[in-house]
């Protein structure tokens, strides 16, 4: 083969090589792309599912990113009563308890972490209103009732990260809140006990 024929043949081979499809690279990018799409889709589905499971109650205040560390010291909370956050290692008994004195926030918050609903009322609430609240709590696991002098409305219902302010104990949202949040989907430690701990205010 002459030199010019060899050069021509080499150029032809080089052009063919350059035109070849890089199937290996395409396959790699395809697999990576599919994995990313699946991961994003799964995360989106989980988020939607979690949101769909959360009860929707008119007037509900929701707070996210609450600390969950244990401390025996006092904690400065940013709501009265607190909706969650760092708390005492010992929970307040919340097995349908009606307390006649204010509770220590740090113990009550631990009960919220276990799935309890804490109903609080401003001292001076009318007797018939208080009786209605007591009837909602007495003997009902994962609930507790106590006075809370610092709160700005007559009645508040609090679960971990969720709170509802009410003027009247006969409001239908009391039952709605209890149905949705007693051991509800917001519970950071499902299955944790609500008795066997702190029994006094």
N, C-alpha and C. Protein backbone atom coordinates (compact mmCIF):
# COMPACT_ATOMS: atom_id res chain seq x y z
N UNK A 1 0.84 -1.18 0.00
CA UNK A 1 0.00 0.00 0.00
C UNK A 1 0.89 1.24 0.00
N UNK A 2 0.54 2.18 -0.88
CA UNK A 2 1.35 3.38 -0.99
C UNK A 2 1.18 4.24 0.27
N UNK A 3 2.10 5.18 0.40
CA UNK A 3 2.06 6.06 1.57
C UNK A 3 0.78 6.90 1.57
N UNK A 4 0.39 7.40 0.39
CA UNK A 4 -0.80 8.24 0.32
C UNK A 4 -2.06 7.43 0.63
N UNK A 5 -2.07 6.15 0.23
CA UNK A 5 -3.22 5.30 0.52
C UNK A 5 -3.30 5.03 2.02
N UNK A 6 -2.11 4.82 2.64
CA UNK A 6 -2.11 4.58 4.08
C UNK A 6 -2.62 5.80 4.85
N UNK A 7 -2.19 6.99 4.42
CA UNK A 7 -2.63 8.23 5.07
C UNK A 7 -4.13 8.39 4.89
N UNK A 8 -4.62 8.12 3.68
CA UNK A 8 -6.04 8.24 3.40
C UNK A 8 -6.85 7.27 4.25
N UNK A 9 -6.33 6.03 4.37
CA UNK A 9 -7.00 5.00 5.17
C UNK A 9 -7.02 5.39 6.66
N UNK A 10 -5.91 5.94 7.15
CA UNK A 10 -5.82 6.35 8.57
C UNK A 10 -6.80 7.49 8.86
N UNK A 11 -6.91 8.43 7.90
CA UNK A 11 -7.86 9.53 8.08
C UNK A 11 -9.30 9.01 8.14
N UNK A 12 -9.57 8.03 7.27
CA UNK A 12 -10.91 7.44 7.23
C UNK A 12 -11.25 6.75 8.56
N UNK A 13 -10.27 5.98 9.10
CA UNK A 13 -10.47 5.28 10.37
C UNK A 13 -10.67 6.27 11.53
N UNK A 14 -9.88 7.36 11.47
CA UNK A 14 -9.98 8.39 12.51
C UNK A 14 -11.36 9.06 12.49
N UNK A 15 -11.86 9.33 11.29
CA UNK A 15 -13.19 9.95 11.16
C UNK A 15 -14.26 9.02 11.67
N UNK A 16 -14.13 7.73 11.38
CA UNK A 16 -15.11 6.74 11.87
C UNK A 16 -15.10 6.66 13.39
N UNK A 17 -13.89 6.67 13.95
CA UNK A 17 -13.75 6.60 15.40
C UNK A 17 -14.41 7.80 16.07
N UNK A 18 -14.20 8.99 15.48
CA UNK A 18 -14.78 10.20 16.06
C UNK A 18 -16.30 10.21 15.98
N UNK A 19 -16.84 9.54 14.93
CA UNK A 19 -18.28 9.52 14.76
C UNK A 19 -18.97 8.46 15.60
N UNK A 20 -18.22 7.55 16.22
CA UNK A 20 -18.82 6.49 17.02
C UNK A 20 -19.54 7.09 18.24
N UNK A 21 -20.73 6.57 18.55
CA UNK A 21 -21.51 7.05 19.68
C UNK A 21 -20.89 6.54 20.99
N UNK A 22 -20.68 7.45 21.97
CA UNK A 22 -20.09 7.04 23.26
C UNK A 22 -21.15 6.39 24.17
N UNK A 23 -21.52 5.17 23.86
CA UNK A 23 -22.61 4.51 24.57
C UNK A 23 -22.33 4.35 26.08
N UNK A 24 -21.10 4.13 26.42
CA UNK A 24 -20.76 3.97 27.84
C UNK A 24 -21.07 5.22 28.64
N UNK A 25 -20.69 6.39 28.10
CA UNK A 25 -20.96 7.65 28.79
C UNK A 25 -22.46 7.92 28.86
N UNK A 26 -23.17 7.65 27.76
CA UNK A 26 -24.61 7.88 27.73
C UNK A 26 -25.31 7.00 28.77
N UNK A 27 -24.92 5.74 28.84
CA UNK A 27 -25.53 4.82 29.81
C UNK A 27 -25.28 5.31 31.24
N UNK A 28 -24.06 5.76 31.51
CA UNK A 28 -23.74 6.24 32.86
C UNK A 28 -24.60 7.44 33.24
N UNK A 29 -24.70 8.41 32.33
CA UNK A 29 -25.51 9.60 32.60
C UNK A 29 -26.99 9.25 32.74
N UNK A 30 -27.45 8.29 31.97
CA UNK A 30 -28.86 7.88 32.05
C UNK A 30 -29.16 7.27 33.41
N UNK A 31 -28.28 6.39 33.88
CA UNK A 31 -28.48 5.75 35.18
C UNK A 31 -28.46 6.79 36.30
N UNK A 32 -27.51 7.72 36.24
CA UNK A 32 -27.42 8.77 37.26
C UNK A 32 -28.68 9.64 37.25
N UNK A 33 -29.13 10.00 36.04
CA UNK A 33 -30.33 10.83 35.91
C UNK A 33 -31.56 10.13 36.46
N UNK A 34 -31.73 8.84 36.14
CA UNK A 34 -32.88 8.09 36.64
C UNK A 34 -32.85 7.98 38.16
N UNK A 35 -31.67 7.74 38.72
CA UNK A 35 -31.55 7.64 40.17
C UNK A 35 -31.94 8.96 40.83
N UNK A 36 -31.52 10.08 40.23
CA UNK A 36 -31.87 11.39 40.79
C UNK A 36 -33.37 11.63 40.73
N UNK A 37 -33.98 11.30 39.60
CA UNK A 37 -35.43 11.48 39.44
C UNK A 37 -36.19 10.64 40.46
N UNK A 38 -35.77 9.38 40.66
CA UNK A 38 -36.44 8.50 41.62
C UNK A 38 -36.29 9.05 43.03
N UNK A 39 -35.08 9.50 43.38
CA UNK A 39 -34.84 10.04 44.73
C UNK A 39 -35.69 11.28 44.99
N UNK A 40 -35.74 12.18 44.02
CA UNK A 40 -36.53 13.41 44.18
C UNK A 40 -38.01 13.07 44.29
N UNK A 41 -38.46 12.15 43.44
CA UNK A 41 -39.87 11.75 43.48
C UNK A 41 -40.24 11.11 44.80
N UNK A 42 -39.36 10.27 45.34
CA UNK A 42 -39.63 9.60 46.62
C UNK A 42 -39.72 10.63 47.74
N UNK A 43 -38.76 11.57 47.76
CA UNK A 43 -38.77 12.61 48.79
C UNK A 43 -40.04 13.45 48.71
N UNK A 44 -40.44 13.81 47.49
CA UNK A 44 -41.65 14.61 47.30
C UNK A 44 -42.88 13.84 47.78
N UNK A 45 -42.93 12.55 47.45
CA UNK A 45 -44.08 11.73 47.86
C UNK A 45 -44.14 11.61 49.37
N UNK A 46 -42.98 11.44 50.02
CA UNK A 46 -42.94 11.34 51.48
C UNK A 46 -43.42 12.63 52.13
N UNK A 47 -42.98 13.78 51.57
CA UNK A 47 -43.38 15.07 52.11
C UNK A 47 -44.87 15.27 51.96
N UNK A 48 -45.40 14.95 50.79
CA UNK A 48 -46.84 15.09 50.57
C UNK A 48 -47.62 14.18 51.50
N UNK A 49 -47.13 12.94 51.67
CA UNK A 49 -47.82 11.99 52.54
C UNK A 49 -47.84 12.50 53.98
N UNK A 50 -46.68 13.02 54.43
CA UNK A 50 -46.60 13.53 55.80
C UNK A 50 -47.54 14.71 56.00
N UNK A 51 -47.60 15.61 55.01
CA UNK A 51 -48.49 16.76 55.12
C UNK A 51 -49.94 16.32 55.10
N UNK A 52 -50.24 15.32 54.27
CA UNK A 52 -51.62 14.86 54.17
C UNK A 52 -52.08 14.22 55.47
N UNK A 53 -51.13 13.60 56.21
CA UNK A 53 -51.48 12.92 57.45
C UNK A 53 -51.72 13.90 58.60
N UNK A 54 -51.15 15.11 58.51
CA UNK A 54 -51.30 16.07 59.59
C UNK A 54 -52.73 16.62 59.61
N UNK A 55 -53.38 16.55 60.77
CA UNK A 55 -54.75 17.07 60.85
C UNK A 55 -54.81 18.56 60.55
N UNK A 56 -55.87 18.98 59.92
CA UNK A 56 -56.07 20.39 59.61
C UNK A 56 -57.22 20.92 60.47
N UNK A 57 -56.92 21.85 61.34
CA UNK A 57 -57.92 22.44 62.24
C UNK A 57 -57.85 23.95 62.06
N UNK A 58 -58.99 24.58 61.86
CA UNK A 58 -59.02 26.04 61.67
C UNK A 58 -58.39 26.76 62.86
N UNK A 59 -57.48 27.69 62.56
CA UNK A 59 -56.83 28.47 63.62
C UNK A 59 -55.59 27.83 64.19
N UNK A 60 -55.18 26.69 63.65
CA UNK A 60 -54.04 25.95 64.19
C UNK A 60 -52.73 26.69 63.92
N UNK A 61 -51.88 26.78 64.94
CA UNK A 61 -50.53 27.32 64.80
C UNK A 61 -49.56 26.15 64.80
N UNK A 62 -48.65 26.13 63.82
CA UNK A 62 -47.71 25.02 63.68
C UNK A 62 -46.29 25.55 63.80
N UNK A 63 -45.47 24.83 64.52
CA UNK A 63 -44.06 25.22 64.69
C UNK A 63 -43.18 24.01 64.38
N UNK A 64 -42.17 24.21 63.51
CA UNK A 64 -41.26 23.14 63.12
C UNK A 64 -39.89 23.34 63.77
N UNK A 65 -39.04 22.37 63.55
CA UNK A 65 -37.63 22.46 63.98
C UNK A 65 -37.49 22.73 65.47
N UNK A 66 -38.20 21.97 66.28
CA UNK A 66 -38.12 22.11 67.73
C UNK A 66 -37.04 21.21 68.28
N UNK A 67 -36.24 21.73 69.20
CA UNK A 67 -35.19 20.92 69.82
C UNK A 67 -35.79 19.79 70.65
N UNK A 68 -34.99 18.74 70.86
CA UNK A 68 -35.50 17.60 71.64
C UNK A 68 -34.46 17.10 72.65
N UNK A 69 -33.54 17.97 73.03
CA UNK A 69 -32.51 17.55 73.98
C UNK A 69 -33.09 17.52 75.40
N UNK A 70 -32.49 16.69 76.24
CA UNK A 70 -32.88 16.61 77.65
C UNK A 70 -32.02 17.56 78.48
N UNK A 71 -32.66 18.23 79.42
CA UNK A 71 -31.95 19.11 80.34
C UNK A 71 -32.71 19.17 81.66
N UNK A 72 -31.99 19.26 82.75
CA UNK A 72 -32.67 19.40 84.04
C UNK A 72 -32.84 20.86 84.43
N UNK A 73 -32.27 21.75 83.63
CA UNK A 73 -32.39 23.19 83.91
C UNK A 73 -33.65 23.78 83.31
N UNK A 74 -33.84 25.08 83.58
CA UNK A 74 -34.98 25.80 83.02
C UNK A 74 -34.73 26.08 81.55
N UNK A 75 -35.79 26.01 80.75
CA UNK A 75 -35.70 26.29 79.31
C UNK A 75 -36.53 27.53 79.01
N UNK A 76 -35.97 28.43 78.20
CA UNK A 76 -36.72 29.62 77.78
C UNK A 76 -37.49 29.27 76.51
N UNK A 77 -38.79 29.14 76.63
CA UNK A 77 -39.63 28.82 75.48
C UNK A 77 -40.18 30.10 74.87
N UNK A 78 -40.57 30.04 73.60
CA UNK A 78 -41.06 31.24 72.93
C UNK A 78 -42.58 31.28 72.78
N UNK A 79 -43.28 30.40 73.49
CA UNK A 79 -44.74 30.48 73.52
C UNK A 79 -45.24 30.02 74.88
N UNK A 80 -46.42 30.48 75.24
CA UNK A 80 -47.06 30.10 76.51
C UNK A 80 -48.42 29.47 76.23
N UNK A 81 -48.59 28.19 76.51
CA UNK A 81 -47.56 27.23 76.92
C UNK A 81 -46.67 26.83 75.74
N UNK A 82 -45.52 26.22 76.02
CA UNK A 82 -44.63 25.81 74.94
C UNK A 82 -45.22 24.69 74.10
N UNK A 83 -44.83 24.67 72.82
CA UNK A 83 -45.32 23.66 71.88
C UNK A 83 -44.32 22.53 71.66
N UNK A 84 -43.19 22.62 72.32
CA UNK A 84 -42.13 21.63 72.15
C UNK A 84 -40.79 22.27 72.40
N UNK A 85 -39.74 21.52 72.22
CA UNK A 85 -38.39 22.02 72.44
C UNK A 85 -37.65 21.15 73.45
N UNK A 86 -36.48 21.60 73.84
CA UNK A 86 -35.70 20.87 74.84
C UNK A 86 -36.53 20.75 76.11
N UNK A 87 -36.30 19.68 76.88
CA UNK A 87 -37.18 19.41 78.01
C UNK A 87 -36.51 18.52 79.05
N UNK A 88 -37.19 18.40 80.18
CA UNK A 88 -36.69 17.58 81.28
C UNK A 88 -36.71 16.10 80.90
N UNK A 89 -35.77 15.30 81.41
CA UNK A 89 -35.77 13.87 81.12
C UNK A 89 -37.00 13.14 81.66
N UNK A 90 -37.68 13.75 82.66
CA UNK A 90 -38.86 13.12 83.28
C UNK A 90 -40.11 13.78 82.72
N UNK A 91 -41.02 12.98 82.17
CA UNK A 91 -42.26 13.54 81.64
C UNK A 91 -43.31 13.71 82.74
N UNK A 92 -44.27 14.56 82.46
CA UNK A 92 -45.42 14.74 83.35
C UNK A 92 -46.42 13.63 83.04
N UNK A 93 -46.94 12.97 84.06
CA UNK A 93 -47.95 11.93 83.79
C UNK A 93 -49.13 12.55 83.03
N UNK A 94 -49.50 11.90 81.94
CA UNK A 94 -50.52 12.47 81.05
C UNK A 94 -51.57 11.42 80.69
N UNK A 95 -51.85 10.54 81.66
CA UNK A 95 -52.83 9.48 81.44
C UNK A 95 -54.21 9.94 81.91
N UNK A 96 -54.71 10.99 81.26
CA UNK A 96 -56.02 11.53 81.63
C UNK A 96 -56.00 12.31 82.92
N UNK A 97 -54.93 13.05 83.16
CA UNK A 97 -54.76 13.76 84.43
C UNK A 97 -55.36 15.16 84.41
N UNK A 98 -56.07 15.50 85.48
CA UNK A 98 -56.56 16.86 85.70
C UNK A 98 -55.76 17.42 86.88
N UNK A 99 -54.90 18.40 86.60
CA UNK A 99 -54.07 19.02 87.64
C UNK A 99 -54.72 20.34 88.06
N UNK A 100 -54.65 20.63 89.35
CA UNK A 100 -55.26 21.86 89.84
C UNK A 100 -54.26 22.99 90.05
N UNK A 101 -53.01 22.76 89.66
CA UNK A 101 -51.97 23.79 89.77
C UNK A 101 -51.14 23.77 88.48
N UNK A 102 -50.47 24.88 88.16
CA UNK A 102 -49.66 24.92 86.93
C UNK A 102 -48.56 23.86 86.95
N UNK A 103 -48.26 23.34 85.77
CA UNK A 103 -47.22 22.32 85.61
C UNK A 103 -45.90 22.99 85.25
N UNK A 104 -44.82 22.29 85.53
CA UNK A 104 -43.51 22.77 85.08
C UNK A 104 -43.41 22.52 83.58
N UNK A 105 -43.15 23.57 82.82
CA UNK A 105 -43.11 23.47 81.36
C UNK A 105 -42.23 22.32 80.86
N UNK A 106 -41.05 22.21 81.45
CA UNK A 106 -40.06 21.25 80.94
C UNK A 106 -40.55 19.81 81.04
N UNK A 107 -41.35 19.49 82.08
CA UNK A 107 -41.90 18.14 82.20
C UNK A 107 -43.08 17.94 81.25
N UNK A 108 -43.91 18.97 81.13
CA UNK A 108 -45.08 18.88 80.25
C UNK A 108 -44.66 18.73 78.79
N UNK A 109 -43.60 19.43 78.39
CA UNK A 109 -43.13 19.33 77.00
C UNK A 109 -42.68 17.91 76.69
N UNK A 110 -42.07 17.25 77.67
CA UNK A 110 -41.68 15.85 77.45
C UNK A 110 -42.91 14.99 77.17
N UNK A 111 -44.02 15.27 77.84
CA UNK A 111 -45.26 14.53 77.58
C UNK A 111 -45.75 14.76 76.15
N UNK A 112 -45.61 16.00 75.66
CA UNK A 112 -45.99 16.29 74.28
C UNK A 112 -45.17 15.44 73.31
N UNK A 113 -43.90 15.27 73.63
CA UNK A 113 -43.02 14.45 72.78
C UNK A 113 -43.53 13.01 72.69
N UNK A 114 -44.21 12.55 73.74
CA UNK A 114 -44.75 11.18 73.76
C UNK A 114 -46.11 11.06 73.07
N UNK A 115 -46.65 12.19 72.62
CA UNK A 115 -47.93 12.14 71.91
C UNK A 115 -49.11 12.66 72.69
N UNK A 116 -48.86 13.32 73.82
CA UNK A 116 -49.96 13.84 74.65
C UNK A 116 -50.50 15.15 74.09
N UNK A 117 -51.75 15.42 74.42
CA UNK A 117 -52.35 16.75 74.22
C UNK A 117 -52.50 17.38 75.60
N UNK A 118 -52.00 18.59 75.72
CA UNK A 118 -52.03 19.34 76.98
C UNK A 118 -53.04 20.47 76.82
N UNK A 119 -54.12 20.39 77.58
CA UNK A 119 -55.12 21.46 77.57
C UNK A 119 -54.83 22.37 78.76
N UNK A 120 -54.72 23.65 78.48
CA UNK A 120 -54.45 24.62 79.54
C UNK A 120 -55.55 25.68 79.53
N UNK A 121 -55.78 26.25 80.72
CA UNK A 121 -56.80 27.30 80.82
C UNK A 121 -56.28 28.43 81.71
N UNK A 122 -56.74 29.62 81.41
CA UNK A 122 -56.37 30.77 82.22
C UNK A 122 -57.18 30.74 83.51
N UNK A 123 -56.53 30.91 84.66
CA UNK A 123 -57.28 30.92 85.92
C UNK A 123 -58.43 31.93 85.87
N UNK A 124 -59.55 31.55 86.48
CA UNK A 124 -60.74 32.39 86.43
C UNK A 124 -61.72 31.93 85.37
N UNK A 125 -61.37 30.87 84.62
CA UNK A 125 -62.30 30.33 83.64
C UNK A 125 -63.59 29.90 84.34
N UNK A 126 -64.72 30.21 83.72
CA UNK A 126 -66.02 29.89 84.34
C UNK A 126 -66.13 28.41 84.67
N UNK A 127 -66.80 28.11 85.78
CA UNK A 127 -66.90 26.74 86.27
C UNK A 127 -67.49 25.76 85.26
N UNK A 128 -68.52 26.18 84.52
CA UNK A 128 -69.11 25.26 83.55
C UNK A 128 -68.14 24.97 82.41
N UNK A 129 -67.31 25.98 82.04
CA UNK A 129 -66.29 25.78 81.00
C UNK A 129 -65.23 24.78 81.47
N UNK A 130 -64.79 24.97 82.72
CA UNK A 130 -63.78 24.09 83.27
C UNK A 130 -64.30 22.66 83.38
N UNK A 131 -65.55 22.51 83.76
CA UNK A 131 -66.15 21.17 83.86
C UNK A 131 -66.17 20.47 82.50
N UNK A 132 -66.43 21.23 81.43
CA UNK A 132 -66.41 20.64 80.09
C UNK A 132 -65.02 20.13 79.73
N UNK A 133 -64.01 20.91 80.08
CA UNK A 133 -62.63 20.50 79.78
C UNK A 133 -62.24 19.27 80.60
N UNK A 134 -62.63 19.28 81.87
CA UNK A 134 -62.32 18.12 82.72
C UNK A 134 -62.94 16.85 82.15
N UNK A 135 -64.15 16.96 81.64
CA UNK A 135 -64.84 15.80 81.07
C UNK A 135 -64.12 15.28 79.82
N UNK A 136 -63.45 16.18 79.08
CA UNK A 136 -62.72 15.78 77.88
C UNK A 136 -61.43 15.03 78.21
N UNK A 137 -60.90 15.28 79.42
CA UNK A 137 -59.59 14.75 79.79
C UNK A 137 -59.66 13.56 80.74
N UNK A 138 -60.53 13.61 81.73
CA UNK A 138 -60.55 12.61 82.81
C UNK A 138 -60.58 11.19 82.25
N UNK A 139 -59.55 10.43 82.61
CA UNK A 139 -59.48 9.03 82.22
C UNK A 139 -59.11 8.77 80.77
N UNK A 140 -58.80 9.81 79.99
CA UNK A 140 -58.44 9.63 78.58
C UNK A 140 -56.92 9.64 78.45
N UNK A 141 -56.36 8.51 78.09
CA UNK A 141 -54.91 8.39 77.96
C UNK A 141 -54.33 9.45 77.02
N UNK A 142 -53.12 9.89 77.34
CA UNK A 142 -52.37 10.86 76.56
C UNK A 142 -53.05 12.23 76.50
N UNK A 143 -53.70 12.60 77.61
CA UNK A 143 -54.22 13.96 77.78
C UNK A 143 -53.93 14.42 79.19
N UNK A 144 -53.87 15.74 79.36
CA UNK A 144 -53.73 16.34 80.69
C UNK A 144 -54.27 17.76 80.63
N UNK A 145 -54.73 18.22 81.78
CA UNK A 145 -55.34 19.55 81.89
C UNK A 145 -54.72 20.26 83.08
N UNK A 146 -54.40 21.54 82.89
CA UNK A 146 -53.85 22.32 84.01
C UNK A 146 -54.10 23.80 83.78
N UNK A 147 -54.11 24.59 84.88
CA UNK A 147 -54.16 26.04 84.72
C UNK A 147 -52.82 26.54 84.17
N UNK A 148 -52.88 27.68 83.47
CA UNK A 148 -51.66 28.27 82.92
C UNK A 148 -51.82 29.80 82.97
N UNK A 149 -51.37 30.42 84.06
CA UNK A 149 -51.63 31.84 84.28
C UNK A 149 -51.12 32.77 83.19
N UNK A 150 -50.03 32.41 82.51
CA UNK A 150 -49.41 33.34 81.55
C UNK A 150 -50.07 33.36 80.18
N UNK A 151 -50.99 32.44 79.91
CA UNK A 151 -51.52 32.40 78.54
C UNK A 151 -52.48 33.56 78.27
N UNK A 152 -52.55 33.95 77.01
CA UNK A 152 -53.27 35.17 76.63
C UNK A 152 -54.72 34.95 76.21
N UNK A 153 -55.19 33.72 76.22
CA UNK A 153 -56.59 33.42 75.87
C UNK A 153 -57.13 32.45 76.92
N UNK A 154 -58.45 32.30 76.99
CA UNK A 154 -59.01 31.42 78.03
C UNK A 154 -58.54 29.97 77.95
N UNK A 155 -58.43 29.42 76.74
CA UNK A 155 -58.14 27.98 76.60
C UNK A 155 -57.13 27.77 75.47
N UNK A 156 -56.19 26.86 75.69
CA UNK A 156 -55.27 26.45 74.63
C UNK A 156 -55.15 24.93 74.64
N UNK A 157 -55.09 24.36 73.45
CA UNK A 157 -54.81 22.94 73.28
C UNK A 157 -53.46 22.84 72.59
N UNK A 158 -52.56 22.04 73.16
CA UNK A 158 -51.20 21.98 72.64
C UNK A 158 -50.79 20.52 72.44
N UNK A 159 -50.23 20.25 71.26
CA UNK A 159 -49.56 18.98 70.96
C UNK A 159 -48.17 19.36 70.47
N UNK A 160 -47.31 18.38 70.27
CA UNK A 160 -45.95 18.70 69.83
C UNK A 160 -46.00 19.49 68.51
N UNK A 161 -45.53 20.75 68.55
CA UNK A 161 -45.46 21.57 67.36
C UNK A 161 -46.79 22.12 66.87
N UNK A 162 -47.86 21.93 67.62
CA UNK A 162 -49.19 22.37 67.19
C UNK A 162 -49.95 22.98 68.37
N UNK A 163 -50.65 24.09 68.10
CA UNK A 163 -51.38 24.74 69.19
C UNK A 163 -52.64 25.44 68.65
N UNK A 164 -53.68 25.37 69.44
CA UNK A 164 -54.96 25.98 69.09
C UNK A 164 -55.45 26.82 70.26
N UNK A 165 -55.78 28.09 69.99
CA UNK A 165 -56.29 29.01 71.01
C UNK A 165 -57.81 29.12 70.86
N UNK A 166 -58.52 29.01 71.99
CA UNK A 166 -59.98 29.03 71.96
C UNK A 166 -60.53 29.95 73.05
N UNK A 167 -61.73 30.44 72.80
CA UNK A 167 -62.43 31.28 73.76
C UNK A 167 -63.43 30.47 74.58
N UNK A 168 -63.87 29.33 74.05
CA UNK A 168 -65.00 28.62 74.65
C UNK A 168 -64.77 27.11 74.62
N UNK A 169 -65.00 26.45 75.73
CA UNK A 169 -64.79 25.01 75.83
C UNK A 169 -65.78 24.20 75.00
N UNK A 170 -66.89 24.82 74.60
CA UNK A 170 -67.87 24.10 73.80
C UNK A 170 -67.56 24.15 72.30
N UNK A 171 -66.47 24.82 71.93
CA UNK A 171 -66.05 24.90 70.53
C UNK A 171 -65.80 23.49 69.99
N UNK A 172 -66.37 23.19 68.83
CA UNK A 172 -66.24 21.84 68.24
C UNK A 172 -64.80 21.48 67.93
N UNK A 173 -63.93 22.49 67.85
CA UNK A 173 -62.52 22.21 67.53
C UNK A 173 -61.78 21.52 68.68
N UNK A 174 -62.35 21.56 69.89
CA UNK A 174 -61.72 20.82 71.01
C UNK A 174 -61.67 19.33 70.64
N UNK A 175 -62.82 18.78 70.27
CA UNK A 175 -62.87 17.36 69.91
C UNK A 175 -62.06 17.07 68.65
N UNK A 176 -62.09 18.00 67.72
CA UNK A 176 -61.35 17.83 66.46
C UNK A 176 -59.85 17.74 66.75
N UNK A 177 -59.37 18.62 67.62
CA UNK A 177 -57.96 18.63 67.99
C UNK A 177 -57.58 17.34 68.70
N UNK A 178 -58.40 16.92 69.65
CA UNK A 178 -58.11 15.69 70.40
C UNK A 178 -58.08 14.48 69.47
N UNK A 179 -59.04 14.40 68.55
CA UNK A 179 -59.06 13.27 67.60
C UNK A 179 -57.81 13.26 66.73
N UNK A 180 -57.38 14.44 66.33
CA UNK A 180 -56.25 14.51 65.41
C UNK A 180 -54.89 14.37 66.04
N UNK A 181 -54.74 14.80 67.30
CA UNK A 181 -53.39 14.92 67.85
C UNK A 181 -53.07 14.04 69.05
N UNK A 182 -54.04 13.41 69.70
CA UNK A 182 -53.70 12.46 70.77
C UNK A 182 -53.01 11.27 70.10
N UNK A 183 -51.72 11.11 70.40
CA UNK A 183 -50.87 10.09 69.74
C UNK A 183 -50.94 10.23 68.22
N UNK A 184 -51.01 11.48 67.75
CA UNK A 184 -51.16 11.75 66.33
C UNK A 184 -49.86 11.66 65.55
N UNK A 185 -49.91 12.00 64.25
CA UNK A 185 -48.74 11.87 63.38
C UNK A 185 -47.60 12.82 63.73
N UNK A 186 -47.87 13.83 64.56
CA UNK A 186 -46.83 14.77 64.97
C UNK A 186 -45.92 14.21 66.05
N UNK A 187 -46.29 13.08 66.65
CA UNK A 187 -45.60 12.53 67.82
C UNK A 187 -44.16 12.13 67.50
N UNK A 188 -43.16 12.77 68.13
CA UNK A 188 -41.77 12.39 67.87
C UNK A 188 -41.40 11.00 68.40
N UNK A 189 -42.04 10.57 69.51
CA UNK A 189 -41.70 9.27 70.10
C UNK A 189 -42.97 8.43 70.26
N UNK A 190 -43.52 7.93 69.15
CA UNK A 190 -44.74 7.12 69.25
C UNK A 190 -44.52 5.89 70.10
N UNK A 191 -45.50 5.56 70.93
CA UNK A 191 -45.41 4.37 71.77
C UNK A 191 -44.77 4.61 73.12
N UNK A 192 -44.22 5.82 73.34
CA UNK A 192 -43.60 6.12 74.64
C UNK A 192 -44.69 6.29 75.69
N UNK A 193 -44.34 5.98 76.94
CA UNK A 193 -45.32 5.98 78.03
C UNK A 193 -45.82 7.36 78.40
N UNK A 194 -47.01 7.39 79.00
CA UNK A 194 -47.57 8.66 79.50
C UNK A 194 -47.88 8.54 80.99
N UNK A 195 -47.37 7.52 81.64
CA UNK A 195 -47.54 7.39 83.08
C UNK A 195 -46.22 6.91 83.67
N UNK A 196 -46.20 6.72 84.98
CA UNK A 196 -44.99 6.20 85.62
C UNK A 196 -43.89 7.21 85.81
N UNK A 197 -44.20 8.51 85.71
CA UNK A 197 -43.16 9.52 85.85
C UNK A 197 -43.60 10.57 86.87
N UNK A 198 -43.63 11.84 86.52
CA UNK A 198 -43.94 12.91 87.48
C UNK A 198 -45.46 12.97 87.70
N UNK A 199 -45.85 12.85 88.95
CA UNK A 199 -47.27 12.72 89.26
C UNK A 199 -47.87 13.95 89.93
N UNK A 200 -47.03 14.93 90.21
CA UNK A 200 -47.52 16.15 90.88
C UNK A 200 -47.14 17.36 90.02
N UNK A 201 -47.84 18.48 90.20
CA UNK A 201 -47.49 19.69 89.43
C UNK A 201 -46.07 20.16 89.73
